Amino acid sequence: MAHEVELMTAGNMWKVLVKPGDAVKAGDTLFIMEVMKMEVPHEAPADGTVSAVNISEGEEGLDAGFVAVVID
């Protein structure tokens, strides 16, 4: 079952820490957003393999609810 990791809030992408094919464990940080000068990490909801990364470092104006990473 695929897990879609959505952005929790609107903001800019500061750091992307995974790429397709990476194995992740529940709780691993996948990426960090910059929201109003604060760093907001997003974590893996489950163990699995990253199948898609739909974000890039430096991307601006991202909206909450956007599917950033997919884990199978």
PDB file of N, CA and C in Angstrom:
ATOM      1  N   MET A   1       0.838  -1.182   0.000  1.00  0.00           N
ATOM      2  CA  MET A   1       0.000   0.000   0.000  1.00  0.00           C
ATOM      3  C   MET A   1       0.884   1.248   0.000  1.00  0.00           C
ATOM      4  N   ALA A   2       0.635   2.145  -0.928  1.00  0.00           N
ATOM      5  CA  ALA A   2       1.434   3.366  -1.031  1.00  0.00           C
ATOM      6  C   ALA A   2       1.003   4.382   0.020  1.00  0.00           C
ATOM      7  N   HIS A   3       1.980   5.081   0.548  1.00  0.00           N
ATOM      8  CA  HIS A   3       1.731   6.163   1.510  1.00  0.00           C
ATOM      9  C   HIS A   3       2.110   7.466   0.824  1.00  0.00           C
ATOM     10  N   GLU A   4       1.154   8.382   0.722  1.00  0.00           N
ATOM     11  CA  GLU A   4       1.419   9.696   0.141  1.00  0.00           C
ATOM     12  C   GLU A   4       1.706  10.685   1.262  1.00  0.00           C
ATOM     13  N   VAL A   5       2.852  11.337   1.188  1.00  0.00           N
ATOM     14  CA  VAL A   5       3.231  12.329   2.191  1.00  0.00           C
ATOM     15  C   VAL A   5       2.887  13.701   1.625  1.00  0.00           C
ATOM     16  N   GLU A   6       1.874  14.333   2.221  1.00  0.00           N
ATOM     17  CA  GLU A   6       1.417  15.639   1.767  1.00  0.00           C
ATOM     18  C   GLU A   6       2.067  16.755   2.582  1.00  0.00           C
ATOM     19  N   LEU A   7       2.174  17.921   1.970  1.00  0.00           N
ATOM     20  CA  LEU A   7       2.679  19.086   2.687  1.00  0.00           C
ATOM     21  C   LEU A   7       1.665  19.488   3.748  1.00  0.00           C
ATOM     22  N   MET A   8       2.138  19.724   4.969  1.00  0.00           N
ATOM     23  CA  MET A   8       1.254  20.083   6.079  1.00  0.00           C
ATOM     24  C   MET A   8       0.836  21.548   6.029  1.00  0.00           C
ATOM     25  N   THR A   9       1.635  22.355   5.368  1.00  0.00           N
ATOM     26  CA  THR A   9       1.364  23.787   5.308  1.00  0.00           C
ATOM     27  C   THR A   9       1.977  24.360   4.035  1.00  0.00           C
ATOM     28  N   ALA A  10       1.559  25.529   3.649  1.00  0.00           N
ATOM     29  CA  ALA A  10       2.156  26.193   2.488  1.00  0.00           C
ATOM     30  C   ALA A  10       3.530  26.735   2.869  1.00  0.00           C
ATOM     31  N   GLY A  11       4.431  26.795   1.903  1.00  0.00           N
ATOM     32  CA  GLY A  11       5.762  27.331   2.179  1.00  0.00           C
ATOM     33  C   GLY A  11       6.727  27.032   1.054  1.00  0.00           C
ATOM     34  N   ASN A  12       8.010  27.132   1.364  1.00  0.00           N
ATOM     35  CA  ASN A  12       9.081  26.904   0.403  1.00  0.00           C
ATOM     36  C   ASN A  12       9.863  25.650   0.784  1.00  0.00           C
ATOM     37  N   MET A  13      10.381  24.950  -0.228  1.00  0.00           N
ATOM     38  CA  MET A  13      11.147  23.735   0.040  1.00  0.00           C
ATOM     39  C   MET A  13      12.595  24.121   0.316  1.00  0.00           C
ATOM     40  N   TRP A  14      13.058  23.779   1.506  1.00  0.00           N
ATOM     41  CA  TRP A  14      14.422  24.125   1.892  1.00  0.00           C
ATOM     42  C   TRP A  14      15.378  22.991   1.572  1.00  0.00           C
ATOM     43  N   LYS A  15      15.048  21.755   1.989  1.00  0.00           N
ATOM     44  CA  LYS A  15      15.974  20.636   1.837  1.00  0.00           C
ATOM     45  C   LYS A  15      15.196  19.360   1.540  1.00  0.00           C
ATOM     46  N   VAL A  16      15.590  18.630   0.507  1.00  0.00           N
ATOM     47  CA  VAL A  16      15.007  17.327   0.184  1.00  0.00           C
ATOM     48  C   VAL A  16      16.064  16.277   0.528  1.00  0.00           C
ATOM     49  N   LEU A  17      15.707  15.338   1.403  1.00  0.00           N
ATOM     50  CA  LEU A  17      16.686  14.390   1.936  1.00  0.00           C
ATOM     51  C   LEU A  17      16.580  12.988   1.345  1.00  0.00           C
ATOM     52  N   VAL A  18      15.608  12.751   0.455  1.00  0.00           N
ATOM     53  CA  VAL A  18      15.432  11.426  -0.138  1.00  0.00           C
ATOM     54  C   VAL A  18      15.312  11.537  -1.654  1.00  0.00           C
ATOM     55  N   LYS A  19      15.509  10.382  -2.312  1.00  0.00           N
ATOM     56  CA  LYS A  19      15.325  10.285  -3.758  1.00  0.00           C
ATOM     57  C   LYS A  19      14.642   8.949  -4.051  1.00  0.00           C
ATOM     58  N   PRO A  20      14.037   8.799  -5.226  1.00  0.00           N
ATOM     59  CA  PRO A  20      13.392   7.523  -5.550  1.00  0.00           C
ATOM     60  C   PRO A  20      14.370   6.358  -5.387  1.00  0.00           C
ATOM     61  N   GLY A  21      13.877   5.288  -4.787  1.00  0.00           N
ATOM     62  CA  GLY A  21      14.698   4.104  -4.546  1.00  0.00           C
ATOM     63  C   GLY A  21      15.266   4.025  -3.138  1.00  0.00           C
ATOM     64  N   ASP A  22      15.247   5.133  -2.406  1.00  0.00           N
ATOM     65  CA  ASP A  22      15.766   5.136  -1.036  1.00  0.00           C
ATOM     66  C   ASP A  22      14.843   4.343  -0.114  1.00  0.00           C
ATOM     67  N   ALA A  23      15.439   3.544   0.759  1.00  0.00           N
ATOM     68  CA  ALA A  23      14.681   2.850   1.812  1.00  0.00           C
ATOM     69  C   ALA A  23      14.560   3.804   2.999  1.00  0.00           C
ATOM     70  N   VAL A  24      13.354   3.889   3.563  1.00  0.00           N
ATOM     71  CA  VAL A  24      13.131   4.755   4.724  1.00  0.00           C
ATOM     72  C   VAL A  24      12.409   3.976   5.814  1.00  0.00           C
ATOM     73  N   LYS A  25      12.583   4.440   7.029  1.00  0.00           N
ATOM     74  CA  LYS A  25      11.896   3.875   8.194  1.00  0.00           C
ATOM     75  C   LYS A  25      10.910   4.922   8.708  1.00  0.00           C
ATOM     76  N   ALA A  26       9.852   4.455   9.333  1.00  0.00           N
ATOM     77  CA  ALA A  26       8.872   5.368   9.928  1.00  0.00           C
ATOM     78  C   ALA A  26       9.603   6.345  10.844  1.00  0.00           C
ATOM     79  N   GLY A  27       9.331   7.630  10.687  1.00  0.00           N
ATOM     80  CA  GLY A  27       9.959   8.657  11.511  1.00  0.00           C
ATOM     81  C   GLY A  27      11.171   9.309  10.876  1.00  0.00           C
ATOM     82  N   ASP A  28      11.718   8.714   9.800  1.00  0.00           N
ATOM     83  CA  ASP A  28      12.845   9.353   9.102  1.00  0.00           C
ATOM     84  C   ASP A  28      12.383  10.677   8.498  1.00  0.00           C
ATOM     85  N   THR A  29      13.224  11.688   8.541  1.00  0.00           N
ATOM     86  CA  THR A  29      12.894  12.967   7.920  1.00  0.00           C
ATOM     87  C   THR A  29      13.094  12.855   6.420  1.00  0.00           C
ATOM     88  N   LEU A  30      12.040  13.189   5.660  1.00  0.00           N
ATOM     89  CA  LEU A  30      12.065  13.099   4.205  1.00  0.00           C
ATOM     90  C   LEU A  30      12.487  14.423   3.570  1.00  0.00           C
ATOM     91  N   PHE A  31      11.972  15.519   4.121  1.00  0.00           N
ATOM     92  CA  PHE A  31      12.292  16.852   3.605  1.00  0.00           C
ATOM     93  C   PHE A  31      11.983  17.882   4.679  1.00  0.00           C
ATOM     94  N   ILE A  32      12.544  19.089   4.479  1.00  0.00           N
ATOM     95  CA  ILE A  32      12.349  20.179   5.428  1.00  0.00           C
ATOM     96  C   ILE A  32      11.867  21.401   4.646  1.00  0.00           C
ATOM     97  N   MET A  33      10.743  21.942   5.087  1.00  0.00           N
ATOM     98  CA  MET A  33      10.203  23.152   4.470  1.00  0.00           C
ATOM     99  C   MET A  33      10.576  24.370   5.292  1.00  0.00           C
ATOM    100  N   GLU A  34      10.572  25.520   4.634  1.00  0.00           N
ATOM    101  CA  GLU A  34      10.741  26.798   5.332  1.00  0.00           C
ATOM    102  C   GLU A  34       9.380  27.479   5.329  1.00  0.00           C
ATOM    103  N   VAL A  35       8.864  27.702   6.527  1.00  0.00           N
ATOM    104  CA  VAL A  35       7.554  28.328   6.681  1.00  0.00           C
ATOM    105  C   VAL A  35       7.715  29.489   7.659  1.00  0.00           C
ATOM    106  N   MET A  36       7.548  30.692   7.170  1.00  0.00           N
ATOM    107  CA  MET A  36       7.680  31.898   7.995  1.00  0.00           C
ATOM    108  C   MET A  36       8.983  31.890   8.809  1.00  0.00           C
ATOM    109  N   LYS A  37      10.090  31.604   8.131  1.00  0.00           N
ATOM    110  CA  LYS A  37      11.439  31.593   8.718  1.00  0.00           C
ATOM    111  C   LYS A  37      11.671  30.440   9.700  1.00  0.00           C
ATOM    112  N   MET A  38      10.743  29.480   9.744  1.00  0.00           N
ATOM    113  CA  MET A  38      10.907  28.302  10.605  1.00  0.00           C
ATOM    114  C   MET A  38      11.118  27.068   9.742  1.00  0.00           C
ATOM    115  N   GLU A  39      11.914  26.122  10.234  1.00  0.00           N
ATOM    116  CA  GLU A  39      12.114  24.862   9.536  1.00  0.00           C
ATOM    117  C   GLU A  39      11.048  23.873   9.997  1.00  0.00           C
ATOM    118  N   VAL A  40      10.337  23.271   9.033  1.00  0.00           N
ATOM    119  CA  VAL A  40       9.274  22.322   9.343  1.00  0.00           C
ATOM    120  C   VAL A  40       9.607  20.985   8.685  1.00  0.00           C
ATOM    121  N   PRO A  41      10.104  20.003   9.475  1.00  0.00           N
ATOM    122  CA  PRO A  41      10.433  18.694   8.900  1.00  0.00           C
ATOM    123  C   PRO A  41       9.169  17.867   8.657  1.00  0.00           C
ATOM    124  N   HIS A  42       9.194  17.055   7.612  1.00  0.00           N
ATOM    125  CA  HIS A  42       8.122  16.108   7.306  1.00  0.00           C
ATOM    126  C   HIS A  42       8.741  14.711   7.374  1.00  0.00           C
ATOM    127  N   GLU A  43       8.086  13.815   8.079  1.00  0.00           N
ATOM    128  CA  GLU A  43       8.645  12.486   8.338  1.00  0.00           C
ATOM    129  C   GLU A  43       7.891  11.391   7.610  1.00  0.00           C
ATOM    130  N   ALA A  44       8.571  10.268   7.419  1.00  0.00           N
ATOM    131  CA  ALA A  44       7.952   9.097   6.798  1.00  0.00           C
ATOM    132  C   ALA A  44       6.904   8.520   7.743  1.00  0.00           C
ATOM    133  N   PRO A  45       5.695   8.231   7.240  1.00  0.00           N
ATOM    134  CA  PRO A  45       4.656   7.666   8.088  1.00  0.00           C
ATOM    135  C   PRO A  45       4.817   6.161   8.314  1.00  0.00           C
ATOM    136  N   ALA A  46       5.650   5.513   7.474  1.00  0.00           N
ATOM    137  CA  ALA A  46       5.811   4.063   7.557  1.00  0.00           C
ATOM    138  C   ALA A  46       7.132   3.658   6.919  1.00  0.00           C
ATOM    139  N   ASP A  47       7.562   2.437   7.201  1.00  0.00           N
ATOM    140  CA  ASP A  47       8.734   1.879   6.538  1.00  0.00           C
ATOM    141  C   ASP A  47       8.392   1.629   5.068  1.00  0.00           C
ATOM    142  N   GLY A  48       9.388   1.721   4.195  1.00  0.00           N
ATOM    143  CA  GLY A  48       9.163   1.410   2.789  1.00  0.00           C
ATOM    144  C   GLY A  48      10.252   1.957   1.903  1.00  0.00           C
ATOM    145  N   THR A  49       9.950   2.009   0.613  1.00  0.00           N
ATOM    146  CA  THR A  49      10.879   2.516  -0.390  1.00  0.00           C
ATOM    147  C   THR A  49      10.248   3.722  -1.071  1.00  0.00           C
ATOM    148  N   VAL A  50      11.014   4.784  -1.204  1.00  0.00           N
ATOM    149  CA  VAL A  50      10.525   5.998  -1.864  1.00  0.00           C
ATOM    150  C   VAL A  50      10.333   5.682  -3.349  1.00  0.00           C
ATOM    151  N   SER A  51       9.097   5.868  -3.839  1.00  0.00           N
ATOM    152  CA  SER A  51       8.830   5.595  -5.255  1.00  0.00           C
ATOM    153  C   SER A  51       8.705   6.877  -6.078  1.00  0.00           C
ATOM    154  N   ALA A  52       8.416   8.009  -5.417  1.00  0.00           N
ATOM    155  CA  ALA A  52       8.305   9.277  -6.146  1.00  0.00           C
ATOM    156  C   ALA A  52       8.649  10.443  -5.233  1.00  0.00           C
ATOM    157  N   VAL A  53       9.348  11.421  -5.804  1.00  0.00           N
ATOM    158  CA  VAL A  53       9.643  12.678  -5.116  1.00  0.00           C
ATOM    159  C   VAL A  53       9.183  13.785  -6.059  1.00  0.00           C
ATOM    160  N   ASN A  54       8.140  14.498  -5.675  1.00  0.00           N
ATOM    161  CA  ASN A  54       7.517  15.502  -6.535  1.00  0.00           C
ATOM    162  C   ASN A  54       7.896  16.929  -6.172  1.00  0.00           C
ATOM    163  N   ILE A  55       9.001  17.090  -5.434  1.00  0.00           N
ATOM    164  CA  ILE A  55       9.456  18.398  -4.971  1.00  0.00           C
ATOM    165  C   ILE A  55      10.944  18.550  -5.272  1.00  0.00           C
ATOM    166  N   SER A  56      11.413  19.773  -5.259  1.00  0.00           N
ATOM    167  CA  SER A  56      12.830  20.071  -5.477  1.00  0.00           C
ATOM    168  C   SER A  56      13.284  21.114  -4.466  1.00  0.00           C
ATOM    169  N   GLU A  57      14.549  21.026  -4.080  1.00  0.00           N
ATOM    170  CA  GLU A  57      15.097  22.047  -3.187  1.00  0.00           C
ATOM    171  C   GLU A  57      14.993  23.407  -3.869  1.00  0.00           C
ATOM    172  N   GLY A  58      14.610  24.405  -3.084  1.00  0.00           N
ATOM    173  CA  GLY A  58      14.511  25.763  -3.597  1.00  0.00           C
ATOM    174  C   GLY A  58      13.160  26.109  -4.201  1.00  0.00           C
ATOM    175  N   GLU A  59      12.266  25.116  -4.335  1.00  0.00           N
ATOM    176  CA  GLU A  59      10.933  25.389  -4.873  1.00  0.00           C
ATOM    177  C   GLU A  59      10.184  26.321  -3.940  1.00  0.00           C
ATOM    178  N   GLU A  60       9.509  27.306  -4.508  1.00  0.00           N
ATOM    179  CA  GLU A  60       8.799  28.291  -3.698  1.00  0.00           C
ATOM    180  C   GLU A  60       7.306  28.261  -3.971  1.00  0.00           C
ATOM    181  N   GLY A  61       6.531  28.696  -2.991  1.00  0.00           N
ATOM    182  CA  GLY A  61       5.092  28.837  -3.157  1.00  0.00           C
ATOM    183  C   GLY A  61       4.321  27.533  -3.213  1.00  0.00           C
ATOM    184  N   LEU A  62       4.807  26.526  -2.516  1.00  0.00           N
ATOM    185  CA  LEU A  62       4.110  25.239  -2.484  1.00  0.00           C
ATOM    186  C   LEU A  62       2.875  25.335  -1.591  1.00  0.00           C
ATOM    187  N   ASP A  63       1.829  24.617  -1.962  1.00  0.00           N
ATOM    188  CA  ASP A  63       0.572  24.658  -1.217  1.00  0.00           C
ATOM    189  C   ASP A  63       0.398  23.456  -0.306  1.00  0.00           C
ATOM    190  N   ALA A  64      -0.262  23.665   0.816  1.00  0.00           N
ATOM    191  CA  ALA A  64      -0.609  22.570   1.725  1.00  0.00           C
ATOM    192  C   ALA A  64      -1.449  21.550   0.968  1.00  0.00           C
ATOM    193  N   GLY A  65      -1.229  20.277   1.267  1.00  0.00           N
ATOM    194  CA  GLY A  65      -1.986  19.209   0.636  1.00  0.00           C
ATOM    195  C   GLY A  65      -1.328  18.628  -0.598  1.00  0.00           C
ATOM    196  N   PHE A  66      -0.292  19.294  -1.123  1.00  0.00           N
ATOM    197  CA  PHE A  66       0.422  18.784  -2.291  1.00  0.00           C
ATOM    198  C   PHE A  66       1.133  17.486  -1.910  1.00  0.00           C
ATOM    199  N   VAL A  67       1.035  16.456  -2.757  1.00  0.00           N
ATOM    200  CA  VAL A  67       1.715  15.181  -2.484  1.00  0.00           C
ATOM    201  C   VAL A  67       3.183  15.332  -2.870  1.00  0.00           C
ATOM    202  N   ALA A  68       4.041  15.385  -1.855  1.00  0.00           N
ATOM    203  CA  ALA A  68       5.458  15.644  -2.056  1.00  0.00           C
ATOM    204  C   ALA A  68       6.259  14.368  -2.299  1.00  0.00           C
ATOM    205  N   VAL A  69       5.942  13.307  -1.528  1.00  0.00           N
ATOM    206  CA  VAL A  69       6.689  12.055  -1.605  1.00  0.00           C
ATOM    207  C   VAL A  69       5.709  10.894  -1.526  1.00  0.00           C
ATOM    208  N   VAL A  70       6.003   9.832  -2.284  1.00  0.00           N
ATOM    209  CA  VAL A  70       5.219   8.607  -2.218  1.00  0.00           C
ATOM    210  C   VAL A  70       6.137   7.486  -1.764  1.00  0.00           C
ATOM    211  N   ILE A  71       5.681   6.718  -0.771  1.00  0.00           N
ATOM    212  CA  ILE A  71       6.450   5.593  -0.236  1.00  0.00           C
ATOM    213  C   ILE A  71       5.655   4.320  -0.451  1.00  0.00           C
ATOM    214  N   ASP A  72       6.289   3.318  -1.045  1.00  0.00           N
ATOM    215  CA  ASP A  72       5.641   2.006  -1.246  1.00  0.00           C
ATOM    216  C   ASP A  72       6.136   1.019  -0.218  1.00  0.00           C
TER     217      ASP A  72
END
